[in-house]
Amino acid sequence: MTNVRFDVITLAPQAIFPLRTLGVIGKAFRANIAELYIHNPRDYAEGNYRKVDDEPYGGGTGMLLKPEPVFATVEALPIIEPRRTLLMSPQGKLMRQADLQRWANTYKQLILICGHYEGFDERIRILADEEVSVGDFVLTGGELPAMLIINGTTRLLPGTLGKSECLTQESHSHSLLEYPHYTRPARFREMEVPDVLRNGDHQAIQLWRTKQQKLRTVQRRPDLLSHDSNDN
């Protein structure tokens, strides 16, 4: 039984196709843990030239994605409840790990609308339940952010990864960065694995890891700690 269906609306479908075959995410699609459907608004555009963009009213540089093809594409999709429509936008809320977890746990269908050109007609925003940004920068289209969402959500679905407990110990799972990891050899170019990880005392190891998570977060991403306190 499929856990989540992704419907990606994009003018660059070739950018999304590789997700179906790459790594553990590709395996998840082949195992029907998730499904991926890609829709090109140009297929729903009217006229001989299938025009999907036009000049902005009031002047300005660049072209805007027209509303008609995007609305037609969304309205042609099957409805699987509960579902959520996400608009890829640099004006959106900055995506966090908690968002990926919420989408994975709550929805059976995620519709991802990718912008293109200079932007999109403002009326397209009404289609979205959420506007999502992956950072304070601008890309040429929403395909890369959509791929990040698909990857990050699918890996959280039951069955995608071998051990579910690893999901609760990694970076950002509790507003903390992940603790350092080591493997063999115990000594490499004068750098040694900490003794606590080799003594077999699991309680001491857990305490060390927790301390390292807090220390690394304070040093590298103190904003995560302040953000978490604001949420509470």
Protein backbone atom coordinates (compact mmCIF):
# COMPACT_ATOMS: atom_id res chain seq x y z
CA MET A 1 0.00 0.00 0.00
CA THR A 2 1.37 3.39 -1.01
CA ASN A 3 2.12 5.74 1.88
CA VAL A 4 2.40 9.02 -0.01
CA ARG A 5 1.70 10.10 -3.57
CA PHE A 6 3.78 13.02 -4.91
CA ASP A 7 2.39 15.08 -7.79
CA VAL A 8 4.99 17.50 -9.14
CA ILE A 9 3.85 20.31 -11.44
CA THR A 10 6.84 21.50 -13.43
CA LEU A 11 7.93 22.82 -16.81
CA ALA A 12 11.13 20.79 -16.46
CA PRO A 13 9.97 17.19 -15.87
CA GLN A 14 13.37 15.83 -16.91
CA ALA A 15 14.82 17.33 -13.73
CA ILE A 16 12.54 15.21 -11.54
CA PHE A 17 12.74 11.87 -13.39
CA PRO A 18 16.05 10.69 -11.79
CA LEU A 19 14.40 10.48 -8.37
CA ARG A 20 12.60 7.35 -9.54
CA THR A 21 15.83 5.40 -9.85
CA LEU A 22 18.43 6.85 -7.48
CA GLY A 23 19.42 5.24 -4.19
CA VAL A 24 17.08 4.43 -1.33
CA ILE A 25 14.50 6.93 -2.63
CA GLY A 26 14.29 5.08 -5.93
CA LYS A 27 13.91 1.82 -4.03
CA ALA A 28 11.06 3.33 -2.03
CA PHE A 29 9.23 4.15 -5.25
CA ARG A 30 9.81 0.67 -6.64
CA ALA A 31 8.52 -0.82 -3.39
CA ASN A 32 5.37 1.36 -3.55
CA ILE A 33 6.27 3.07 -0.31
CA ALA A 34 5.68 6.25 -2.29
CA GLU A 35 4.55 7.16 -5.80
CA LEU A 36 5.86 9.94 -8.01
CA TYR A 37 3.84 11.57 -10.79
CA ILE A 38 5.14 14.45 -12.88
CA HIS A 39 2.84 16.88 -14.72
CA ASN A 40 3.82 19.52 -17.26
CA PRO A 41 1.50 22.58 -17.33
CA ARG A 42 2.35 22.98 -21.01
CA ASP A 43 0.18 19.91 -21.66
CA TYR A 44 -2.78 21.89 -20.31
CA ALA A 45 -2.03 25.19 -22.04
CA GLU A 46 -4.31 26.46 -24.77
CA GLY A 47 -3.46 27.46 -28.34
CA ASN A 48 -1.17 26.05 -30.98
CA TYR A 49 1.96 27.19 -29.14
CA ARG A 50 0.95 25.90 -25.71
CA LYS A 51 1.94 29.24 -24.18
CA VAL A 52 2.61 29.05 -20.43
CA ASP A 53 4.22 32.45 -19.76
CA ASP A 54 3.51 36.10 -20.48
CA GLU A 55 4.75 39.61 -19.75
CA PRO A 56 3.88 41.16 -16.38
CA TYR A 57 1.25 43.87 -16.17
CA GLY A 58 2.79 47.24 -15.35
CA GLY A 59 6.07 46.39 -17.02
CA GLY A 60 9.20 44.85 -15.61
CA THR A 61 11.82 42.31 -16.57
CA GLY A 62 11.26 38.64 -17.21
CA MET A 63 8.18 36.55 -17.87
CA LEU A 64 5.57 35.16 -15.49
CA LEU A 65 4.00 31.73 -15.37
CA LYS A 66 0.37 32.11 -16.46
CA PRO A 67 -2.38 30.98 -14.08
CA GLU A 68 -4.57 29.03 -16.53
CA PRO A 69 -2.22 26.07 -17.23
CA VAL A 70 -1.30 25.67 -13.55
CA PHE A 71 -4.92 25.74 -12.39
CA ALA A 72 -5.89 23.27 -15.12
CA THR A 73 -3.07 20.92 -14.10
CA VAL A 74 -4.01 20.94 -10.42
CA GLU A 75 -7.70 20.48 -11.18
CA ALA A 76 -6.94 17.45 -13.37
CA LEU A 77 -5.23 15.58 -10.52
CA PRO A 78 -6.99 12.82 -8.61
CA ILE A 79 -7.95 13.78 -5.08
CA ILE A 80 -6.44 11.63 -2.34
CA GLU A 81 -7.22 12.76 1.16
CA PRO A 82 -5.63 13.99 3.26
CA ARG A 83 -3.57 16.03 0.84
CA ARG A 84 -1.47 19.18 0.88
CA THR A 85 -0.42 21.56 -1.89
CA LEU A 86 3.01 23.15 -1.54
CA LEU A 87 4.23 26.07 -3.63
CA MET A 88 7.98 26.36 -4.07
CA SER A 89 8.74 30.02 -3.40
CA PRO A 90 11.66 32.07 -1.99
CA GLN A 91 8.97 34.09 -0.20
CA GLY A 92 7.72 31.02 1.65
CA LYS A 93 8.37 29.73 5.14
CA LEU A 94 11.84 28.27 5.56
CA MET A 95 11.53 24.49 5.55
CA ARG A 96 12.68 22.59 8.64
CA GLN A 97 12.99 18.92 9.53
CA ALA A 98 9.74 19.17 11.49
CA ASP A 99 7.93 20.08 8.27
CA LEU A 100 9.20 16.98 6.52
CA GLN A 101 8.09 14.88 9.48
CA ARG A 102 4.66 16.50 9.48
CA TRP A 103 4.14 15.91 5.76
CA ALA A 104 5.30 12.30 6.04
CA ASN A 105 3.07 11.56 9.02
CA THR A 106 -0.07 13.44 7.99
CA TYR A 107 -0.69 13.37 4.24
CA LYS A 108 -1.35 10.76 1.58
CA GLN A 109 -0.87 13.19 -1.30
CA LEU A 110 1.59 16.06 -1.67
CA ILE A 111 1.22 18.37 -4.66
CA LEU A 112 4.38 20.37 -5.37
CA ILE A 113 4.09 23.39 -7.66
CA CYS A 114 7.38 24.55 -9.18
CA GLY A 115 7.70 28.12 -10.35
CA HIS A 116 9.77 29.12 -13.34
CA TYR A 117 10.89 32.18 -15.31
CA GLU A 118 10.84 35.43 -13.28
CA GLY A 119 8.04 34.11 -11.11
CA PHE A 120 4.36 33.23 -11.31
CA ASP A 121 1.09 35.08 -11.54
CA GLU A 122 0.03 36.08 -8.03
CA ARG A 123 -3.29 34.24 -8.39
CA ILE A 124 -1.47 30.91 -8.44
CA ARG A 125 -0.80 31.35 -4.72
CA ILE A 126 -4.44 30.60 -3.96
CA LEU A 127 -3.83 26.97 -4.95
CA ALA A 128 -1.29 26.43 -2.20
CA ASP A 129 -1.83 25.39 1.40
CA GLU A 130 1.76 26.35 2.15
CA GLU A 131 4.53 28.31 0.47
CA VAL A 132 7.89 26.68 1.09
CA SER A 133 11.42 28.07 0.84
CA VAL A 134 14.62 26.06 1.21
CA GLY A 135 16.82 29.07 1.88
CA ASP A 136 17.33 32.80 1.49
CA PHE A 137 18.34 32.63 -2.15
CA VAL A 138 16.70 32.47 -5.58
CA LEU A 139 16.94 29.64 -8.11
CA THR A 140 15.85 29.46 -11.74
CA GLY A 141 12.98 27.15 -10.85
CA GLY A 142 11.32 25.20 -8.07
CA GLU A 143 12.51 21.77 -9.19
CA LEU A 144 15.46 21.48 -6.81
CA PRO A 145 13.40 22.50 -3.75
CA ALA A 146 10.69 20.02 -4.81
CA MET A 147 13.28 17.27 -5.07
CA LEU A 148 14.55 18.11 -1.59
CA ILE A 149 11.03 17.80 -0.20
CA ILE A 150 10.43 14.48 -1.98
CA ASN A 151 13.74 13.09 -0.77
CA GLY A 152 13.39 14.35 2.79
CA THR A 153 9.78 13.20 3.15
CA THR A 154 10.19 9.79 1.52
CA ARG A 155 13.15 8.81 3.69
CA LEU A 156 10.94 9.28 6.75
CA LEU A 157 8.26 6.88 5.50
CA PRO A 158 8.20 3.44 7.17
CA GLY A 159 10.18 0.95 5.14
CA THR A 160 12.45 3.38 3.29
CA LEU A 161 15.38 3.09 5.71
CA GLY A 162 16.49 -0.07 7.43
CA LYS A 163 16.47 1.16 11.02
CA SER A 164 13.82 3.63 12.09
CA GLU A 165 15.72 4.59 15.24
CA CYS A 166 18.41 6.28 13.17
CA LEU A 167 15.84 8.92 12.20
CA THR A 168 15.51 10.07 15.80
CA GLN A 169 19.27 10.41 16.31
CA GLU A 170 20.27 12.42 13.28
CA SER A 171 20.77 16.16 12.85
CA HIS A 172 17.72 18.40 13.37
CA SER A 173 15.56 15.61 14.78
CA HIS A 174 15.28 17.41 18.16
CA SER A 175 16.63 20.85 17.21
CA LEU A 176 20.12 19.44 17.74
CA LEU A 177 22.87 18.50 15.33
CA GLU A 178 24.01 14.90 15.21
CA TYR A 179 26.89 13.72 17.38
CA PRO A 180 30.29 12.78 15.80
CA HIS A 181 30.66 9.30 14.31
CA TYR A 182 33.79 7.13 14.06
CA THR A 183 34.68 3.79 12.52
CA ARG A 184 37.85 1.70 12.16
CA PRO A 185 40.76 2.23 12.40
CA ALA A 186 40.88 3.45 16.00
CA ARG A 187 43.90 5.59 15.14
CA PHE A 188 44.42 7.41 11.84
CA ARG A 189 47.15 10.03 11.21
CA GLU A 190 47.49 10.82 14.91
CA MET A 191 43.72 11.18 15.28
CA GLU A 192 42.15 8.72 17.70
CA VAL A 193 38.60 7.57 18.30
CA PRO A 194 37.48 8.74 21.78
CA ASP A 195 38.04 6.08 24.44
CA VAL A 196 34.41 6.26 25.61
CA LEU A 197 33.23 4.82 22.29
CA ARG A 198 35.51 1.78 22.67
CA ASN A 199 34.93 0.78 26.27
CA GLY A 200 31.55 -0.91 25.79
CA ASP A 201 29.77 1.18 28.44
CA HIS A 202 26.54 1.99 26.60
CA GLN A 203 25.29 4.41 29.25
CA ALA A 204 28.54 6.38 29.10
CA ILE A 205 28.38 6.34 25.30
CA GLN A 206 24.84 7.75 25.32
CA LEU A 207 25.83 10.50 27.75
CA TRP A 208 28.83 11.40 25.58
CA ARG A 209 26.70 11.51 22.45
CA THR A 210 24.08 13.73 24.07
CA LYS A 211 26.78 16.10 25.31
CA GLN A 212 28.38 16.21 21.87
CA GLN A 213 25.04 16.99 20.22
CA LYS A 214 24.51 19.99 22.47
CA LEU A 215 28.10 21.17 22.14
CA ARG A 216 28.10 20.88 18.34
CA THR A 217 24.78 22.70 18.07
CA VAL A 218 25.98 25.56 20.28
CA GLN A 219 29.17 25.88 18.24
CA ARG A 220 27.71 25.54 14.74
CA ARG A 221 23.98 26.33 14.83
CA PRO A 222 22.98 28.21 18.00
CA ASP A 223 19.99 29.54 16.06
CA LEU A 224 18.43 26.08 16.28
CA LEU A 225 18.34 26.29 20.04
CA SER A 226 16.79 29.76 20.06
CA HIS A 227 14.25 28.68 17.45
CA ASP A 228 13.26 25.70 19.56
CA SER A 229 12.77 27.83 22.67
CA ASN A 230 10.59 30.23 20.70
CA ASP A 231 8.42 27.33 19.54
CA ASN A 232 7.90 26.26 23.13
